[in-house]
Amino acid sequence: MFPSGTRTWYRWSTYDDESAIKRQIIAITEMVNQNYQWMGIAKSPREARKLILEGKLAVVLGIETDNLGNFKTASYNWNDNVGPAINHWWL
């Protein structure tokens, strides 16, 4: 899912929206993994309730971007055939 090579996000040379999203997901995941004693990523309402009942911070990930996956054309017309290509964003 993520670019090969170093996992140090600031060394990646691509700056498109998809690469920025990947770097942010890696960074928040690493932060949560380093602080698993008091926080966790909630991928569903059930997981959020479980984390909260355990006294942990429930981190809910979201994506907001101008051009998810770089699938728009230069004229910014959306390509309707990208469904399979963006399914990997469902963590």
C-alpha atoms as a PDB file:
ATOM      1  CA  MET A   1       0.000   0.000   0.000  1.00  0.00           C
ATOM      2  CA  PHE A   2       2.791   2.423   0.822  1.00  0.00           C
ATOM      3  CA  PRO A   3       5.840   3.410  -1.230  1.00  0.00           C
ATOM      4  CA  SER A   4       8.872   1.208  -0.841  1.00  0.00           C
ATOM      5  CA  GLY A   5      12.044   2.462   0.733  1.00  0.00           C
ATOM      6  CA  THR A   6      12.461   4.375   3.935  1.00  0.00           C
ATOM      7  CA  ARG A   7       9.443   4.801   6.190  1.00  0.00           C
ATOM      8  CA  THR A   8      10.614   8.244   7.225  1.00  0.00           C
ATOM      9  CA  TRP A   9       7.775  10.281   5.754  1.00  0.00           C
ATOM     10  CA  TYR A  10       9.680  13.507   5.212  1.00  0.00           C
ATOM     11  CA  ARG A  11      12.209  11.792   2.924  1.00  0.00           C
ATOM     12  CA  TRP A  12       9.627  10.820   0.316  1.00  0.00           C
ATOM     13  CA  SER A  13       9.906  13.117  -2.645  1.00  0.00           C
ATOM     14  CA  THR A  14       6.319  12.944  -3.920  1.00  0.00           C
ATOM     15  CA  TYR A  15       3.883  15.647  -2.892  1.00  0.00           C
ATOM     16  CA  ASP A  16       0.658  14.627  -4.595  1.00  0.00           C
ATOM     17  CA  ASP A  17      -2.499  14.150  -2.514  1.00  0.00           C
ATOM     18  CA  GLU A  18      -2.359  10.360  -2.467  1.00  0.00           C
ATOM     19  CA  SER A  19       1.235  10.327  -1.228  1.00  0.00           C
ATOM     20  CA  ALA A  20       0.423  12.946   1.402  1.00  0.00           C
ATOM     21  CA  ILE A  21      -2.481  10.815   2.658  1.00  0.00           C
ATOM     22  CA  LYS A  22      -0.241   7.749   2.876  1.00  0.00           C
ATOM     23  CA  ARG A  23       2.400   9.679   4.839  1.00  0.00           C
ATOM     24  CA  GLN A  24      -0.238  10.954   7.272  1.00  0.00           C
ATOM     25  CA  ILE A  25      -1.719   7.488   7.816  1.00  0.00           C
ATOM     26  CA  ILE A  26       1.739   6.063   8.482  1.00  0.00           C
ATOM     27  CA  ALA A  27       2.574   8.882  10.902  1.00  0.00           C
ATOM     28  CA  ILE A  28      -0.645   8.594  12.954  1.00  0.00           C
ATOM     29  CA  THR A  29      -0.405   4.787  12.978  1.00  0.00           C
ATOM     30  CA  GLU A  30       3.160   4.938  14.262  1.00  0.00           C
ATOM     31  CA  MET A  31       2.165   7.479  16.916  1.00  0.00           C
ATOM     32  CA  VAL A  32      -0.737   5.293  18.087  1.00  0.00           C
ATOM     33  CA  ASN A  33       1.479   2.189  18.112  1.00  0.00           C
ATOM     34  CA  GLN A  34       4.023   4.006  20.286  1.00  0.00           C
ATOM     35  CA  ASN A  35       1.263   5.060  22.708  1.00  0.00           C
ATOM     36  CA  TYR A  36      -0.963   1.969  22.624  1.00  0.00           C
ATOM     37  CA  GLN A  37      -1.301   2.064  26.422  1.00  0.00           C
ATOM     38  CA  TRP A  38      -3.658   5.036  26.241  1.00  0.00           C
ATOM     39  CA  MET A  39      -4.848   5.329  22.614  1.00  0.00           C
ATOM     40  CA  GLY A  40      -6.002   3.223  19.665  1.00  0.00           C
ATOM     41  CA  ILE A  41      -7.330   3.600  16.134  1.00  0.00           C
ATOM     42  CA  ALA A  42     -11.084   2.986  15.940  1.00  0.00           C
ATOM     43  CA  LYS A  43     -12.246   1.652  12.576  1.00  0.00           C
ATOM     44  CA  SER A  44     -15.866   1.288  13.637  1.00  0.00           C
ATOM     45  CA  PRO A  45     -18.246   2.658  16.290  1.00  0.00           C
ATOM     46  CA  ARG A  46     -17.903  -0.640  18.169  1.00  0.00           C
ATOM     47  CA  GLU A  47     -14.105  -0.297  18.285  1.00  0.00           C
ATOM     48  CA  ALA A  48     -14.454   3.311  19.452  1.00  0.00           C
ATOM     49  CA  ARG A  49     -16.788   2.301  22.301  1.00  0.00           C
ATOM     50  CA  LYS A  50     -14.407  -0.501  23.319  1.00  0.00           C
ATOM     51  CA  LEU A  51     -11.414   1.848  23.436  1.00  0.00           C
ATOM     52  CA  ILE A  52     -13.360   4.477  25.372  1.00  0.00           C
ATOM     53  CA  LEU A  53     -14.609   1.917  27.900  1.00  0.00           C
ATOM     54  CA  GLU A  54     -10.969   0.865  28.384  1.00  0.00           C
ATOM     55  CA  GLY A  55     -10.171   4.488  29.249  1.00  0.00           C
ATOM     56  CA  LYS A  56      -8.260   5.051  26.009  1.00  0.00           C
ATOM     57  CA  LEU A  57      -8.419   7.782  23.408  1.00  0.00           C
ATOM     58  CA  ALA A  58     -10.263   6.550  20.312  1.00  0.00           C
ATOM     59  CA  VAL A  59      -8.553   7.955  17.219  1.00  0.00           C
ATOM     60  CA  VAL A  60     -10.901   8.122  14.217  1.00  0.00           C
ATOM     61  CA  LEU A  61      -9.147   8.536  10.886  1.00  0.00           C
ATOM     62  CA  GLY A  62     -10.630  10.599   8.083  1.00  0.00           C
ATOM     63  CA  ILE A  63      -9.501  11.775   4.670  1.00  0.00           C
ATOM     64  CA  GLU A  64     -10.250  15.127   3.123  1.00  0.00           C
ATOM     65  CA  THR A  65      -8.416  16.063  -0.031  1.00  0.00           C
ATOM     66  CA  ASP A  66      -8.877  17.905  -3.292  1.00  0.00           C
ATOM     67  CA  ASN A  67      -7.851  14.991  -5.468  1.00  0.00           C
ATOM     68  CA  LEU A  68      -8.114  11.579  -3.774  1.00  0.00           C
ATOM     69  CA  GLY A  69      -5.759   9.198  -5.512  1.00  0.00           C
ATOM     70  CA  ASN A  70      -4.880  11.684  -8.242  1.00  0.00           C
ATOM     71  CA  PHE A  71      -7.734  10.369 -10.390  1.00  0.00           C
ATOM     72  CA  LYS A  72      -9.003  13.664 -11.723  1.00  0.00           C
ATOM     73  CA  THR A  73      -8.056  14.822 -15.169  1.00  0.00           C
ATOM     74  CA  ALA A  74      -6.402  18.153 -15.831  1.00  0.00           C
ATOM     75  CA  SER A  75      -9.873  19.644 -16.344  1.00  0.00           C
ATOM     76  CA  TYR A  76     -10.883  18.300 -12.881  1.00  0.00           C
ATOM     77  CA  ASN A  77     -13.549  16.041 -14.341  1.00  0.00           C
ATOM     78  CA  TRP A  78     -13.944  13.010 -12.091  1.00  0.00           C
ATOM     79  CA  ASN A  79     -13.147   9.624 -13.656  1.00  0.00           C
ATOM     80  CA  ASP A  80     -16.039   7.320 -12.698  1.00  0.00           C
ATOM     81  CA  ASN A  81     -14.007   4.158 -13.268  1.00  0.00           C
ATOM     82  CA  VAL A  82     -11.736   4.505 -10.229  1.00  0.00           C
ATOM     83  CA  GLY A  83     -13.784   2.546  -7.678  1.00  0.00           C
ATOM     84  CA  PRO A  84     -11.488  -0.507  -7.562  1.00  0.00           C
ATOM     85  CA  ALA A  85      -8.405   1.698  -7.381  1.00  0.00           C
ATOM     86  CA  ILE A  86      -9.566   3.539  -4.246  1.00  0.00           C
ATOM     87  CA  ASN A  87     -11.000   0.597  -2.341  1.00  0.00           C
ATOM     88  CA  HIS A  88      -7.697   0.178  -0.487  1.00  0.00           C
ATOM     89  CA  TRP A  89      -8.475   3.367   1.482  1.00  0.00           C
ATOM     90  CA  TRP A  90     -11.029   1.387   3.518  1.00  0.00           C
ATOM     91  CA  LEU A  91      -8.712   0.427   6.337  1.00  0.00           C
END
